[in-house]
Structures are given as C-alpha cells and as structure tokens.
Protein backbone atom coordinates (compact mmCIF):
# COMPACT_ATOMS: atom_id res chain seq x y z
CA MET A 1 -21.57 9.32 27.55
CA VAL A 2 -19.82 10.91 24.80
CA GLU A 3 -15.96 9.80 26.24
CA THR A 4 -17.79 6.14 26.46
CA THR A 5 -18.60 6.41 22.80
CA GLY A 6 -15.44 7.99 21.86
CA LEU A 7 -13.54 4.75 23.76
CA ARG A 8 -15.41 2.81 22.13
CA GLU A 9 -15.27 3.81 18.84
CA ARG A 10 -10.84 3.49 19.41
CA ARG A 11 -11.53 0.27 20.81
CA LEU A 12 -13.04 -0.97 17.06
CA GLU A 13 -10.88 0.65 15.14
CA LEU A 14 -7.89 -1.11 17.17
CA ARG A 15 -9.14 -4.20 16.48
CA ARG A 16 -10.56 -3.42 12.86
CA ARG A 17 -6.78 -3.02 12.47
CA ALA A 18 -5.63 -5.67 14.19
CA VAL A 19 -8.12 -7.65 11.79
CA ARG A 20 -6.23 -5.96 8.92
CA ASP A 21 -2.76 -7.11 10.23
CA ALA A 22 -3.71 -10.85 10.68
CA ALA A 23 -5.29 -10.81 7.45
CA ALA A 24 -1.75 -9.62 5.54
CA GLU A 25 -0.41 -12.22 7.66
CA GLU A 26 -2.13 -14.49 6.34
CA PHE A 27 -2.46 -13.69 2.71
CA SER A 28 1.70 -13.06 2.88
CA LYS A 29 1.73 -16.59 4.27
CA VAL A 30 -0.36 -18.44 2.03
CA GLY A 31 -1.88 -16.05 -0.57
CA TYR A 32 -5.18 -14.59 -1.24
CA GLU A 33 -6.45 -17.51 -2.56
CA LEU A 34 -5.57 -19.80 -0.10
CA ALA A 35 -6.75 -17.56 3.05
CA THR A 36 -9.69 -18.12 4.50
CA LEU A 37 -11.58 -16.03 7.04
CA GLU A 38 -11.81 -18.84 9.43
CA ASP A 39 -8.12 -18.82 9.32
CA ILE A 40 -7.75 -15.24 10.16
CA GLY A 41 -10.33 -15.27 12.63
CA GLU A 42 -8.11 -17.70 14.28
CA ARG A 43 -5.04 -15.50 14.82
CA LEU A 44 -7.13 -13.41 17.01
CA GLY A 45 -9.20 -15.84 18.45
CA LEU A 46 -12.18 -14.86 16.50
CA SER A 47 -14.83 -17.33 14.90
CA LYS A 48 -15.50 -16.34 11.21
CA ALA A 49 -19.22 -15.17 12.33
CA GLY A 50 -17.00 -12.86 15.00
CA LEU A 51 -14.85 -11.78 12.32
CA TYR A 52 -17.92 -10.09 10.47
CA TYR A 53 -18.76 -7.78 13.05
CA TYR A 54 -15.55 -6.06 12.46
CA VAL A 55 -15.19 -6.88 8.25
CA GLU A 56 -17.53 -7.23 5.53
CA GLY A 57 -15.15 -10.37 4.15
CA LYS A 58 -12.35 -11.10 2.53
CA GLU A 59 -12.88 -8.91 -0.62
CA ARG A 60 -13.07 -5.84 1.80
CA LEU A 61 -9.76 -6.88 3.65
CA LEU A 62 -7.64 -6.81 0.31
CA ILE A 63 -9.39 -3.50 -0.51
CA ASP A 64 -8.51 -2.15 3.19
CA LEU A 65 -5.14 -3.48 3.20
CA ALA A 66 -4.55 -1.37 -0.31
CA ASP A 67 -5.74 1.79 0.97
CA ASP A 68 -3.63 1.05 4.55
CA ALA A 69 -0.55 0.84 1.98
CA VAL A 70 -1.55 3.85 0.03
CA ALA A 71 -1.50 5.73 3.43
CA ARG A 72 1.56 4.59 4.70
CA VAL A 73 2.85 5.80 1.50
CA GLU A 74 1.16 9.35 1.36
CA THR A 75 1.92 10.16 5.02
CA ALA A 76 5.71 8.64 4.09
CA ILE A 77 6.05 11.59 1.72
CA GLU A 78 3.76 14.46 3.33
CA GLY A 79 6.70 16.46 4.97
CA ASP A 80 8.36 19.06 3.04
CA MET A 81 6.93 18.00 0.01
CA GLU A 82 5.88 21.76 -1.04
CA ASP A 83 9.78 23.11 -0.28
CA SER A 84 11.32 20.28 -2.41
CA THR A 85 12.19 19.85 -6.03
CA ASP A 86 9.67 17.94 -8.55
CA GLY A 87 12.31 15.24 -8.84
CA GLN A 88 13.30 14.92 -4.95
CA ARG A 89 9.54 14.24 -4.81
CA ARG A 90 9.35 11.92 -7.22
CA ARG A 91 12.33 10.77 -5.23
CA ARG A 92 10.70 10.68 -2.17
CA PHE A 93 7.46 9.09 -3.86
CA VAL A 94 9.50 5.94 -5.32
CA ALA A 95 11.71 5.73 -1.73
CA ALA A 96 8.34 5.33 0.24
CA HIS A 97 6.40 3.27 -1.69
CA MET A 98 9.41 0.87 -2.47
CA SER A 99 9.78 0.48 1.53
CA VAL A 100 6.26 -0.45 1.88
CA ALA A 101 6.35 -2.85 -0.49
CA LEU A 102 9.58 -4.50 0.52
CA HIS A 103 9.07 -3.88 4.49
CA THR A 104 5.88 -4.68 5.09
CA ALA A 105 3.59 -7.69 4.97
CA THR A 106 0.91 -5.28 3.63
CA GLY A 107 2.46 -3.82 0.56
CA GLN A 108 3.61 -7.28 -0.05
CA VAL A 109 0.23 -8.79 -0.17
CA LEU A 110 -0.66 -5.20 -2.37
CA ALA A 111 2.19 -5.98 -4.69
CA ALA A 112 0.94 -10.06 -5.12
CA ASN A 113 -2.51 -8.89 -5.55
CA LEU A 114 -2.76 -5.76 -8.23
CA GLU A 115 -4.25 -7.61 -10.49
CA ARG A 116 -7.16 -8.95 -8.34
CA LEU A 117 -7.48 -5.58 -6.96
CA PHE A 118 -8.26 -4.07 -10.53
CA SER A 119 -11.15 -6.33 -11.09
CA MET A 120 -12.85 -5.03 -7.83
CA PRO A 121 -14.76 -2.02 -8.70
CA ASP A 122 -14.70 -0.78 -4.99
CA ALA A 123 -10.66 -0.85 -4.94
CA ARG A 124 -10.69 1.33 -8.16
CA PRO A 125 -11.01 4.54 -5.81
CA VAL A 126 -7.87 3.99 -3.94
CA TRP A 127 -5.88 3.04 -7.01
CA GLU A 128 -6.83 6.55 -8.65
CA ARG A 129 -6.20 8.54 -5.90
CA TYR A 130 -2.84 7.11 -5.77
CA GLU A 131 -2.01 7.05 -9.23
CA GLN A 132 -2.88 10.71 -9.21
CA ALA A 133 -0.39 11.73 -6.22
CA LEU A 134 2.11 10.45 -8.95
CA GLN A 135 1.07 12.30 -11.80
CA ASP A 136 0.46 15.27 -10.06
CA ILE A 137 4.12 15.00 -9.03
CA LEU A 138 5.31 14.65 -13.16
CA VAL A 139 2.85 17.26 -14.23
CA ASP A 140 4.13 19.72 -11.60
CA GLY A 141 8.11 18.27 -13.07
CA ILE A 142 7.02 18.50 -16.80
CA ASP A 143 5.58 22.39 -16.08
CA SER A 144 8.84 23.32 -14.51
CA GLY A 145 10.89 21.44 -17.19
CA GLU A 146 12.64 19.48 -14.46
CA PHE A 147 11.47 16.26 -16.52
CA GLY A 148 11.00 17.16 -19.99
CA GLU A 149 8.05 15.99 -22.17
CA ILE A 150 6.84 12.53 -20.98
CA ASP A 151 3.35 11.35 -20.83
CA PRO A 152 2.43 11.51 -16.85
CA VAL A 153 -0.35 9.04 -17.37
CA ILE A 154 1.59 5.93 -18.86
CA THR A 155 5.04 7.37 -16.86
CA SER A 156 3.00 6.99 -13.95
CA ARG A 157 1.41 3.28 -14.44
CA MET A 158 5.32 2.31 -15.75
CA LEU A 159 6.90 3.51 -12.44
CA LEU A 160 4.05 1.81 -10.16
CA ALA A 161 3.90 -1.59 -12.55
CA ALA A 162 8.18 -1.81 -11.93
CA MET A 163 7.97 -0.86 -8.18
CA ASN A 164 5.36 -3.25 -7.74
CA ALA A 165 7.09 -6.23 -9.33
CA THR A 166 10.14 -5.71 -7.51
CA ALA A 167 8.47 -7.11 -4.25
CA ARG A 168 8.05 -10.29 -6.19
CA TRP A 169 11.27 -10.59 -7.09
CA PHE A 170 13.40 -9.44 -4.29
CA ASP A 171 15.25 -11.96 -2.53
CA PRO A 172 15.67 -10.47 1.24
CA GLY A 173 17.82 -13.44 1.91
CA GLY A 174 20.20 -12.06 -1.23
CA PRO A 175 23.25 -9.81 -2.03
CA MET A 176 21.59 -6.70 -1.42
CA SER A 177 19.34 -5.49 1.54
CA ALA A 178 16.12 -3.94 0.81
CA ASP A 179 17.21 -0.76 2.30
CA ASP A 180 20.10 -0.74 -0.77
CA LEU A 181 17.61 -1.83 -2.89
CA VAL A 182 15.51 1.80 -2.33
CA GLU A 183 18.31 3.64 -2.49
CA ARG A 184 19.63 2.54 -5.50
CA THR A 185 15.68 2.69 -7.10
CA VAL A 186 15.56 6.31 -6.19
CA HIS A 187 18.83 7.18 -7.65
CA THR A 188 18.00 5.36 -11.26
C-alpha cells in the first residue's frame, strides 16, 4: 500500500507540474490578466472544475510559478558556491537569474508580473527568501572586503529590479543572443 500511495503522490505532483507549465505558457502568451483557468485547463484537457483539483486558483498559480523560478535559480547556484569568491558567487547568481528570466516561460511570467506578485501577501515569503539569498552573498563580500561598503538591501533590490527588467526589453530576434546578454551582464 505504501508503494501505491507513493506512486499516487508522484502522479499528483507530475500533474501539478503540468498545470504550472500550462499556466506559464498561457500567462506568457496572453498575459496574466487575460489568461483564464478555462484556457489553462484546455491546454491539458481538463475542465475548470477539474483544474481546481490541482490548484486553488489563478493567483496561486502565479505564486507557484514565482516559487518555481526562484527554486531554479537556487538549484543552479548550489554547486561549488562554498569554494568560490564572493564575486564569483554574485556572478553565478546573476547568470542563473538572467538565464531563467530569458530562457523560461516561468521566468518571463515572473518578470512581467512582479508588481502583481508584490501585492499578494502569500507571495512575499518567496520573494523575501530570494532577496535574502542575494543579500547573504553581498554581506559576505562586504565582510571579506571584496565589495567595499555597499548597502546589501538597496544593492540587492537594484540588481534584482535591473535583471527582471531585462526580460521585458530583451529582443530574442535582435543582434545579441540571450546567452551573450547573460555573459555581458555577469561581467558588468
């Protein structure tokens, strides 16, 4: 019976992942405001009522997508962070953030809906966790003398705002690839 319960949980999580992916695609295609649960469900062959089995609503989907984007960056920077200088850690953070923002529908949806997310109390813990990760890198760099005297709160917020804005103005059909932009940003 334990195997059946484990299998059921894995299937449920896979289905929730599919719902989040469909929501990211729909939000990316038409925008959060115009996206409907009916359209998201249609992408998966589910009715709106069937969709509610997997998610509480459109707002929760947006918060879950923000959490997914943050988790992707956290996973990307986990590697050998302890053996790196603070400058290398900051560059890895920036590269991971920019890659998610430019290469994934989830990251693009997050960048396009930051103001909305900031107004959602349930989304605040996700953002605070993310800000804190960058602030910790900055504080370590200040303590080691690598970054000089900067305010980690202001600096982290400015960096995150600039990186998130990039997904809004970057033209993937333009003269520079997303990877080139990430590379240039990391070395700024």
